[in-house]
Amino acid sequence: MMKMRFVLAISAAGFVSACTSDAPRPQPIAAMPALMDESVPQISRDACLREVGRTTNNPDLTILEMVYSEANSQVTIGVGPNRARWQCTVSNSGIVAGVMSLTNEGTL
């Protein structure tokens, strides 16, 4: 019984010293840079801005990210002073397939 207590004490001491070491801590992963794929047609960008503005009833809009696809491109738009993120899926001929909020509405 005495040996077991001694082993546990050593293990606990080793754990504490490992936690308080001066070893460098891992750094947080940096946010991915925004994709601004300029091949998204202007007609598609304009259609997304118009539809997100209509949906949010807010004219304060900024394109944050664009990703081109032959099927449907995606445009991420910041709304309002805090740039709440909205995603727009749009054809390359300017037909909007969908608009949705990317904001965690549970925190509002």
C-alpha atoms as a PDB file:
ATOM      1  CA  MET A   1       0.000   0.000   0.000  1.00  0.00           C
ATOM      2  CA  MET A   2       2.823   2.376   0.825  1.00  0.00           C
ATOM      3  CA  LYS A   3       4.484   1.861  -2.584  1.00  0.00           C
ATOM      4  CA  MET A   4       1.272   2.731  -4.397  1.00  0.00           C
ATOM      5  CA  ARG A   5       0.950   6.034  -2.556  1.00  0.00           C
ATOM      6  CA  PHE A   6       4.541   6.863  -3.355  1.00  0.00           C
ATOM      7  CA  VAL A   7       4.037   6.162  -7.075  1.00  0.00           C
ATOM      8  CA  LEU A   8       0.911   8.324  -7.171  1.00  0.00           C
ATOM      9  CA  ALA A   9       2.736  11.164  -5.456  1.00  0.00           C
ATOM     10  CA  ILE A  10       5.518  11.028  -8.043  1.00  0.00           C
ATOM     11  CA  SER A  11       3.035  10.927 -10.879  1.00  0.00           C
ATOM     12  CA  ALA A  12       1.122  13.891  -9.507  1.00  0.00           C
ATOM     13  CA  ALA A  13       4.326  15.862  -8.993  1.00  0.00           C
ATOM     14  CA  GLY A  14       5.392  15.100 -12.572  1.00  0.00           C
ATOM     15  CA  PHE A  15       2.034  16.285 -13.896  1.00  0.00           C
ATOM     16  CA  VAL A  16       2.197  19.539 -11.958  1.00  0.00           C
ATOM     17  CA  SER A  17       5.720  20.280 -13.113  1.00  0.00           C
ATOM     18  CA  ALA A  18       4.732  19.575 -16.714  1.00  0.00           C
ATOM     19  CA  CYS A  19       1.820  22.010 -16.438  1.00  0.00           C
ATOM     20  CA  THR A  20       3.941  24.772 -14.999  1.00  0.00           C
ATOM     21  CA  SER A  21       6.879  24.405 -17.367  1.00  0.00           C
ATOM     22  CA  ASP A  22       8.140  27.317 -19.414  1.00  0.00           C
ATOM     23  CA  ALA A  23       7.600  25.389 -22.647  1.00  0.00           C
ATOM     24  CA  PRO A  24       6.109  27.545 -25.404  1.00  0.00           C
ATOM     25  CA  ARG A  25       2.360  27.268 -25.741  1.00  0.00           C
ATOM     26  CA  PRO A  26       0.782  26.682 -29.139  1.00  0.00           C
ATOM     27  CA  GLN A  27      -0.435  29.853 -30.799  1.00  0.00           C
ATOM     28  CA  PRO A  28      -4.037  30.166 -32.017  1.00  0.00           C
ATOM     29  CA  ILE A  29      -4.596  29.508 -35.686  1.00  0.00           C
ATOM     30  CA  ALA A  30      -4.812  32.737 -37.623  1.00  0.00           C
ATOM     31  CA  ALA A  31      -8.033  33.422 -39.482  1.00  0.00           C
ATOM     32  CA  MET A  32      -7.983  32.483 -43.126  1.00  0.00           C
ATOM     33  CA  PRO A  33      -7.628  35.491 -45.399  1.00  0.00           C
ATOM     34  CA  ALA A  34     -10.781  36.417 -47.277  1.00  0.00           C
ATOM     35  CA  LEU A  35     -11.082  35.058 -50.798  1.00  0.00           C
ATOM     36  CA  MET A  36     -11.767  37.793 -53.318  1.00  0.00           C
ATOM     37  CA  ASP A  37     -12.181  35.892 -56.562  1.00  0.00           C
ATOM     38  CA  GLU A  38     -12.491  38.690 -59.112  1.00  0.00           C
ATOM     39  CA  SER A  39     -13.896  36.271 -61.689  1.00  0.00           C
ATOM     40  CA  VAL A  40     -17.332  36.507 -60.012  1.00  0.00           C
ATOM     41  CA  PRO A  41     -19.247  38.573 -62.604  1.00  0.00           C
ATOM     42  CA  GLN A  42     -20.271  42.114 -61.659  1.00  0.00           C
ATOM     43  CA  ILE A  43     -23.923  41.291 -62.439  1.00  0.00           C
ATOM     44  CA  SER A  44     -23.768  38.540 -59.781  1.00  0.00           C
ATOM     45  CA  ARG A  45     -22.160  40.825 -57.194  1.00  0.00           C
ATOM     46  CA  ASP A  46     -24.803  43.499 -57.810  1.00  0.00           C
ATOM     47  CA  ALA A  47     -27.628  40.951 -57.567  1.00  0.00           C
ATOM     48  CA  CYS A  48     -26.327  39.726 -54.199  1.00  0.00           C
ATOM     49  CA  LEU A  49     -25.929  43.241 -52.833  1.00  0.00           C
ATOM     50  CA  ARG A  50     -29.456  44.099 -53.934  1.00  0.00           C
ATOM     51  CA  GLU A  51     -31.002  40.908 -52.471  1.00  0.00           C
ATOM     52  CA  VAL A  52     -29.131  41.055 -49.131  1.00  0.00           C
ATOM     53  CA  GLY A  53     -30.057  44.752 -48.838  1.00  0.00           C
ATOM     54  CA  ARG A  54     -33.696  43.900 -49.503  1.00  0.00           C
ATOM     55  CA  THR A  55     -33.662  40.971 -47.050  1.00  0.00           C
ATOM     56  CA  THR A  56     -31.987  42.883 -44.214  1.00  0.00           C
ATOM     57  CA  ASN A  57     -33.575  46.258 -44.974  1.00  0.00           C
ATOM     58  CA  ASN A  58     -30.112  47.767 -44.489  1.00  0.00           C
ATOM     59  CA  PRO A  59     -28.234  49.694 -47.188  1.00  0.00           C
ATOM     60  CA  ASP A  60     -24.887  49.542 -45.321  1.00  0.00           C
ATOM     61  CA  LEU A  61     -23.349  46.621 -47.271  1.00  0.00           C
ATOM     62  CA  THR A  62     -19.780  45.548 -48.040  1.00  0.00           C
ATOM     63  CA  ILE A  63     -18.588  42.533 -50.004  1.00  0.00           C
ATOM     64  CA  LEU A  64     -16.289  40.568 -47.700  1.00  0.00           C
ATOM     65  CA  GLU A  65     -15.580  37.493 -49.787  1.00  0.00           C
ATOM     66  CA  MET A  66     -16.279  36.091 -53.255  1.00  0.00           C
ATOM     67  CA  VAL A  67     -15.796  32.547 -54.544  1.00  0.00           C
ATOM     68  CA  TYR A  68     -16.414  31.756 -58.205  1.00  0.00           C
ATOM     69  CA  SER A  69     -18.010  28.539 -59.422  1.00  0.00           C
ATOM     70  CA  GLU A  70     -19.354  27.638 -62.854  1.00  0.00           C
ATOM     71  CA  ALA A  71     -22.588  26.430 -61.231  1.00  0.00           C
ATOM     72  CA  ASN A  72     -23.253  29.118 -58.583  1.00  0.00           C
ATOM     73  CA  SER A  73     -20.838  31.592 -57.071  1.00  0.00           C
ATOM     74  CA  GLN A  74     -20.901  32.559 -53.396  1.00  0.00           C
ATOM     75  CA  VAL A  75     -20.656  36.124 -52.185  1.00  0.00           C
ATOM     76  CA  THR A  76     -20.313  36.926 -48.481  1.00  0.00           C
ATOM     77  CA  ILE A  77     -21.599  40.359 -47.559  1.00  0.00           C
ATOM     78  CA  GLY A  78     -21.094  42.316 -44.337  1.00  0.00           C
ATOM     79  CA  VAL A  79     -24.200  44.163 -43.161  1.00  0.00           C
ATOM     80  CA  GLY A  80     -24.315  47.190 -40.871  1.00  0.00           C
ATOM     81  CA  PRO A  81     -21.508  48.748 -38.834  1.00  0.00           C
ATOM     82  CA  ASN A  82     -20.555  45.384 -37.270  1.00  0.00           C
ATOM     83  CA  ARG A  83     -20.483  43.692 -40.694  1.00  0.00           C
ATOM     84  CA  ALA A  84     -22.828  40.835 -39.783  1.00  0.00           C
ATOM     85  CA  ARG A  85     -22.047  38.127 -42.318  1.00  0.00           C
ATOM     86  CA  TRP A  86     -24.627  37.109 -44.928  1.00  0.00           C
ATOM     87  CA  GLN A  87     -24.068  34.549 -47.664  1.00  0.00           C
ATOM     88  CA  CYS A  88     -25.541  34.840 -51.134  1.00  0.00           C
ATOM     89  CA  THR A  89     -25.542  32.030 -53.681  1.00  0.00           C
ATOM     90  CA  VAL A  90     -25.916  33.402 -57.201  1.00  0.00           C
ATOM     91  CA  SER A  91     -25.667  32.217 -60.791  1.00  0.00           C
ATOM     92  CA  ASN A  92     -23.162  33.870 -63.065  1.00  0.00           C
ATOM     93  CA  SER A  93     -26.055  35.496 -64.936  1.00  0.00           C
ATOM     94  CA  GLY A  94     -27.198  37.287 -61.754  1.00  0.00           C
ATOM     95  CA  ILE A  95     -30.026  35.021 -60.582  1.00  0.00           C
ATOM     96  CA  VAL A  96     -29.945  34.722 -56.787  1.00  0.00           C
ATOM     97  CA  ALA A  97     -30.498  31.141 -55.637  1.00  0.00           C
ATOM     98  CA  GLY A  98     -30.405  31.852 -51.903  1.00  0.00           C
ATOM     99  CA  VAL A  99     -29.561  34.313 -49.151  1.00  0.00           C
ATOM    100  CA  MET A 100     -28.873  33.354 -45.539  1.00  0.00           C
ATOM    101  CA  SER A 101     -27.446  34.851 -42.389  1.00  0.00           C
ATOM    102  CA  LEU A 102     -24.139  33.432 -41.143  1.00  0.00           C
ATOM    103  CA  THR A 103     -24.543  35.144 -37.775  1.00  0.00           C
ATOM    104  CA  ASN A 104     -25.083  33.034 -34.670  1.00  0.00           C
ATOM    105  CA  GLU A 105     -28.550  34.303 -33.849  1.00  0.00           C
ATOM    106  CA  GLY A 106     -28.534  32.479 -30.519  1.00  0.00           C
ATOM    107  CA  THR A 107     -26.238  35.181 -29.140  1.00  0.00           C
ATOM    108  CA  LEU A 108     -28.497  38.085 -30.130  1.00  0.00           C
END
